[in-house]
């Protein structure tokens, strides 16, 4: 069982930056693929970024070049650095995890992640 807890959300103005953090409680963190999804009001879950357990990263086109995902295996933490935020970034952001034997495989479908945090709200104002 894995528990994920997000933090770092808040209200910011367009163009600002925000860093989300995710703390994972598991003894095998290094064998997990991690990621971030978001859900804007009235929409479904959207893939934002992912990181495989060998450190490979991948992003949705909408955030590529502005967001960066990283992990600290020793601290069992995953981060999402969000720069140049736009109004479209307003959403609840969820940290996700999936155990995997494949070091560089990434996953971008919500159904591929069995573990989800409760989410943290990010609101971008004009």
C-alpha atoms as a PDB file:
ATOM      1  CA  UNK A   1       0.000   0.000   0.000  1.00  0.00           C
ATOM      2  CA  UNK A   2       1.192   3.479  -0.862  1.00  0.00           C
ATOM      3  CA  UNK A   3      -0.057   6.731   0.573  1.00  0.00           C
ATOM      4  CA  UNK A   4       0.574   9.971  -1.236  1.00  0.00           C
ATOM      5  CA  UNK A   5       0.203  13.438   0.220  1.00  0.00           C
ATOM      6  CA  UNK A   6       0.420  16.569  -1.895  1.00  0.00           C
ATOM      7  CA  UNK A   7       1.237  20.059  -0.703  1.00  0.00           C
ATOM      8  CA  UNK A   8       2.179  23.412  -2.146  1.00  0.00           C
ATOM      9  CA  UNK A   9      -0.986  24.434  -3.926  1.00  0.00           C
ATOM     10  CA  UNK A  10      -2.432  27.907  -3.611  1.00  0.00           C
ATOM     11  CA  UNK A  11      -3.614  31.058  -5.313  1.00  0.00           C
ATOM     12  CA  UNK A  12      -1.170  32.808  -7.622  1.00  0.00           C
ATOM     13  CA  UNK A  13      -1.305  35.347 -10.392  1.00  0.00           C
ATOM     14  CA  UNK A  14      -0.803  34.461 -14.019  1.00  0.00           C
ATOM     15  CA  UNK A  15       2.874  34.317 -14.880  1.00  0.00           C
ATOM     16  CA  UNK A  16       3.916  33.264 -11.400  1.00  0.00           C
ATOM     17  CA  UNK A  17       5.576  30.032 -10.322  1.00  0.00           C
ATOM     18  CA  UNK A  18       4.526  27.382  -7.858  1.00  0.00           C
ATOM     19  CA  UNK A  19       6.127  24.195  -6.624  1.00  0.00           C
ATOM     20  CA  UNK A  20       4.045  21.204  -5.658  1.00  0.00           C
ATOM     21  CA  UNK A  21       5.407  18.468  -3.432  1.00  0.00           C
ATOM     22  CA  UNK A  22       4.292  14.894  -2.938  1.00  0.00           C
ATOM     23  CA  UNK A  23       5.361  12.743  -0.014  1.00  0.00           C
ATOM     24  CA  UNK A  24       5.107   9.007  -0.516  1.00  0.00           C
ATOM     25  CA  UNK A  25       4.865   6.433   2.235  1.00  0.00           C
ATOM     26  CA  UNK A  26       6.299   3.190   0.911  1.00  0.00           C
ATOM     27  CA  UNK A  27       9.385   1.118   1.472  1.00  0.00           C
ATOM     28  CA  UNK A  28       9.958   0.542  -2.244  1.00  0.00           C
ATOM     29  CA  UNK A  29       9.779   4.089  -3.592  1.00  0.00           C
ATOM     30  CA  UNK A  30      12.637   3.512  -6.001  1.00  0.00           C
ATOM     31  CA  UNK A  31      10.570   0.960  -7.906  1.00  0.00           C
ATOM     32  CA  UNK A  32       7.686   3.262  -8.610  1.00  0.00           C
ATOM     33  CA  UNK A  33       6.812   5.358 -11.607  1.00  0.00           C
ATOM     34  CA  UNK A  34       5.370   8.644 -10.374  1.00  0.00           C
ATOM     35  CA  UNK A  35       3.381  11.389 -11.955  1.00  0.00           C
ATOM     36  CA  UNK A  36       1.070  14.346 -11.707  1.00  0.00           C
ATOM     37  CA  UNK A  37      -2.430  14.675 -13.079  1.00  0.00           C
ATOM     38  CA  UNK A  38      -4.846  17.550 -12.812  1.00  0.00           C
ATOM     39  CA  UNK A  39      -8.564  18.044 -13.012  1.00  0.00           C
ATOM     40  CA  UNK A  40      -9.980  21.405 -13.931  1.00  0.00           C
ATOM     41  CA  UNK A  41     -13.608  22.237 -13.094  1.00  0.00           C
ATOM     42  CA  UNK A  42     -15.973  20.347 -15.349  1.00  0.00           C
ATOM     43  CA  UNK A  43     -13.255  18.269 -17.007  1.00  0.00           C
ATOM     44  CA  UNK A  44     -11.699  14.848 -16.652  1.00  0.00           C
ATOM     45  CA  UNK A  45      -8.307  13.923 -15.305  1.00  0.00           C
ATOM     46  CA  UNK A  46      -5.460  15.209 -17.444  1.00  0.00           C
ATOM     47  CA  UNK A  47      -1.915  13.902 -17.492  1.00  0.00           C
ATOM     48  CA  UNK A  48       0.615  16.610 -16.657  1.00  0.00           C
ATOM     49  CA  UNK A  49       3.993  14.992 -16.102  1.00  0.00           C
ATOM     50  CA  UNK A  50       5.598  11.699 -15.216  1.00  0.00           C
ATOM     51  CA  UNK A  51       8.918  10.336 -14.028  1.00  0.00           C
ATOM     52  CA  UNK A  52      10.096   6.761 -14.320  1.00  0.00           C
ATOM     53  CA  UNK A  53      12.168   5.271 -11.574  1.00  0.00           C
ATOM     54  CA  UNK A  54      15.364   5.684 -13.539  1.00  0.00           C
ATOM     55  CA  UNK A  55      14.636   9.417 -13.638  1.00  0.00           C
ATOM     56  CA  UNK A  56      13.337   9.771 -17.181  1.00  0.00           C
ATOM     57  CA  UNK A  57      10.768  12.543 -17.422  1.00  0.00           C
ATOM     58  CA  UNK A  58       7.929  13.219 -19.811  1.00  0.00           C
ATOM     59  CA  UNK A  59       5.317  15.935 -20.109  1.00  0.00           C
ATOM     60  CA  UNK A  60       2.016  16.791 -21.634  1.00  0.00           C
ATOM     61  CA  UNK A  61       2.435  19.136 -24.579  1.00  0.00           C
ATOM     62  CA  UNK A  62       0.452  21.818 -22.740  1.00  0.00           C
ATOM     63  CA  UNK A  63       3.112  22.155 -20.040  1.00  0.00           C
ATOM     64  CA  UNK A  64       6.291  21.183 -21.841  1.00  0.00           C
ATOM     65  CA  UNK A  65       8.991  23.765 -21.304  1.00  0.00           C
ATOM     66  CA  UNK A  66       7.238  25.374 -18.339  1.00  0.00           C
ATOM     67  CA  UNK A  67       6.767  22.539 -15.840  1.00  0.00           C
ATOM     68  CA  UNK A  68       9.427  20.246 -14.448  1.00  0.00           C
ATOM     69  CA  UNK A  69       8.974  17.031 -12.497  1.00  0.00           C
ATOM     70  CA  UNK A  70      11.690  15.696 -10.231  1.00  0.00           C
ATOM     71  CA  UNK A  71      12.088  13.171  -7.473  1.00  0.00           C
ATOM     72  CA  UNK A  72      14.232  12.584  -4.421  1.00  0.00           C
ATOM     73  CA  UNK A  73      14.343   8.858  -3.771  1.00  0.00           C
ATOM     74  CA  UNK A  74      16.072   9.256  -0.411  1.00  0.00           C
ATOM     75  CA  UNK A  75      13.277  11.506   0.857  1.00  0.00           C
ATOM     76  CA  UNK A  76      10.540   9.659  -1.069  1.00  0.00           C
ATOM     77  CA  UNK A  77       9.403  12.924  -2.558  1.00  0.00           C
ATOM     78  CA  UNK A  78       8.206  14.016  -5.972  1.00  0.00           C
ATOM     79  CA  UNK A  79       8.006  17.634  -7.030  1.00  0.00           C
ATOM     80  CA  UNK A  80       6.324  19.584  -9.775  1.00  0.00           C
ATOM     81  CA  UNK A  81       7.839  22.954 -10.509  1.00  0.00           C
ATOM     82  CA  UNK A  82       5.352  25.065 -12.428  1.00  0.00           C
ATOM     83  CA  UNK A  83       6.541  28.234 -14.115  1.00  0.00           C
ATOM     84  CA  UNK A  84       4.775  30.849 -16.221  1.00  0.00           C
ATOM     85  CA  UNK A  85       1.415  29.722 -14.947  1.00  0.00           C
ATOM     86  CA  UNK A  86      -1.626  30.488 -17.063  1.00  0.00           C
ATOM     87  CA  UNK A  87      -5.310  30.617 -16.164  1.00  0.00           C
ATOM     88  CA  UNK A  88      -5.679  27.194 -17.771  1.00  0.00           C
ATOM     89  CA  UNK A  89      -3.513  25.706 -15.021  1.00  0.00           C
ATOM     90  CA  UNK A  90      -6.290  26.202 -12.478  1.00  0.00           C
ATOM     91  CA  UNK A  91      -7.132  22.698 -11.289  1.00  0.00           C
ATOM     92  CA  UNK A  92      -6.778  20.183  -8.531  1.00  0.00           C
ATOM     93  CA  UNK A  93      -3.396  18.520  -8.910  1.00  0.00           C
ATOM     94  CA  UNK A  94      -2.950  14.886  -7.969  1.00  0.00           C
ATOM     95  CA  UNK A  95       0.212  12.948  -7.273  1.00  0.00           C
ATOM     96  CA  UNK A  96       0.090   9.384  -8.594  1.00  0.00           C
ATOM     97  CA  UNK A  97       2.201   6.270  -8.259  1.00  0.00           C
ATOM     98  CA  UNK A  98       2.537   2.915  -9.950  1.00  0.00           C
ATOM     99  CA  UNK A  99       4.828   0.044  -8.995  1.00  0.00           C
ATOM    100  CA  UNK A 100       6.718  -1.193 -12.015  1.00  0.00           C
ATOM    101  CA  UNK A 101       9.602  -3.534 -12.804  1.00  0.00           C
ATOM    102  CA  UNK A 102      10.565  -1.411 -15.807  1.00  0.00           C
ATOM    103  CA  UNK A 103      13.061   1.290 -15.020  1.00  0.00           C
ATOM    104  CA  UNK A 104      12.421   3.629 -17.938  1.00  0.00           C
ATOM    105  CA  UNK A 105       8.796   2.975 -18.772  1.00  0.00           C
ATOM    106  CA  UNK A 106       6.438   5.864 -18.392  1.00  0.00           C
ATOM    107  CA  UNK A 107       2.684   5.954 -18.044  1.00  0.00           C
ATOM    108  CA  UNK A 108       0.344   8.717 -19.116  1.00  0.00           C
ATOM    109  CA  UNK A 109      -3.092   7.200 -18.605  1.00  0.00           C
ATOM    110  CA  UNK A 110      -4.942   7.764 -15.359  1.00  0.00           C
ATOM    111  CA  UNK A 111      -6.054   4.147 -15.264  1.00  0.00           C
ATOM    112  CA  UNK A 112      -2.427   3.028 -15.200  1.00  0.00           C
ATOM    113  CA  UNK A 113      -1.867   4.488 -11.740  1.00  0.00           C
ATOM    114  CA  UNK A 114      -3.400   2.591  -8.829  1.00  0.00           C
ATOM    115  CA  UNK A 115      -2.326   5.074  -6.158  1.00  0.00           C
ATOM    116  CA  UNK A 116      -3.573   8.647  -5.933  1.00  0.00           C
ATOM    117  CA  UNK A 117      -3.200  11.424  -3.437  1.00  0.00           C
ATOM    118  CA  UNK A 118      -6.125  13.558  -2.303  1.00  0.00           C
ATOM    119  CA  UNK A 119      -5.045  16.479  -4.445  1.00  0.00           C
ATOM    120  CA  UNK A 120      -4.004  20.065  -3.932  1.00  0.00           C
ATOM    121  CA  UNK A 121      -5.806  23.060  -5.407  1.00  0.00           C
ATOM    122  CA  UNK A 122      -3.960  25.423  -7.700  1.00  0.00           C
ATOM    123  CA  UNK A 123      -5.767  28.593  -8.694  1.00  0.00           C
ATOM    124  CA  UNK A 124      -4.294  31.049 -11.163  1.00  0.00           C
ATOM    125  CA  UNK A 125      -5.859  34.495 -11.300  1.00  0.00           C
ATOM    126  CA  UNK A 126      -5.502  37.229 -13.899  1.00  0.00           C
END
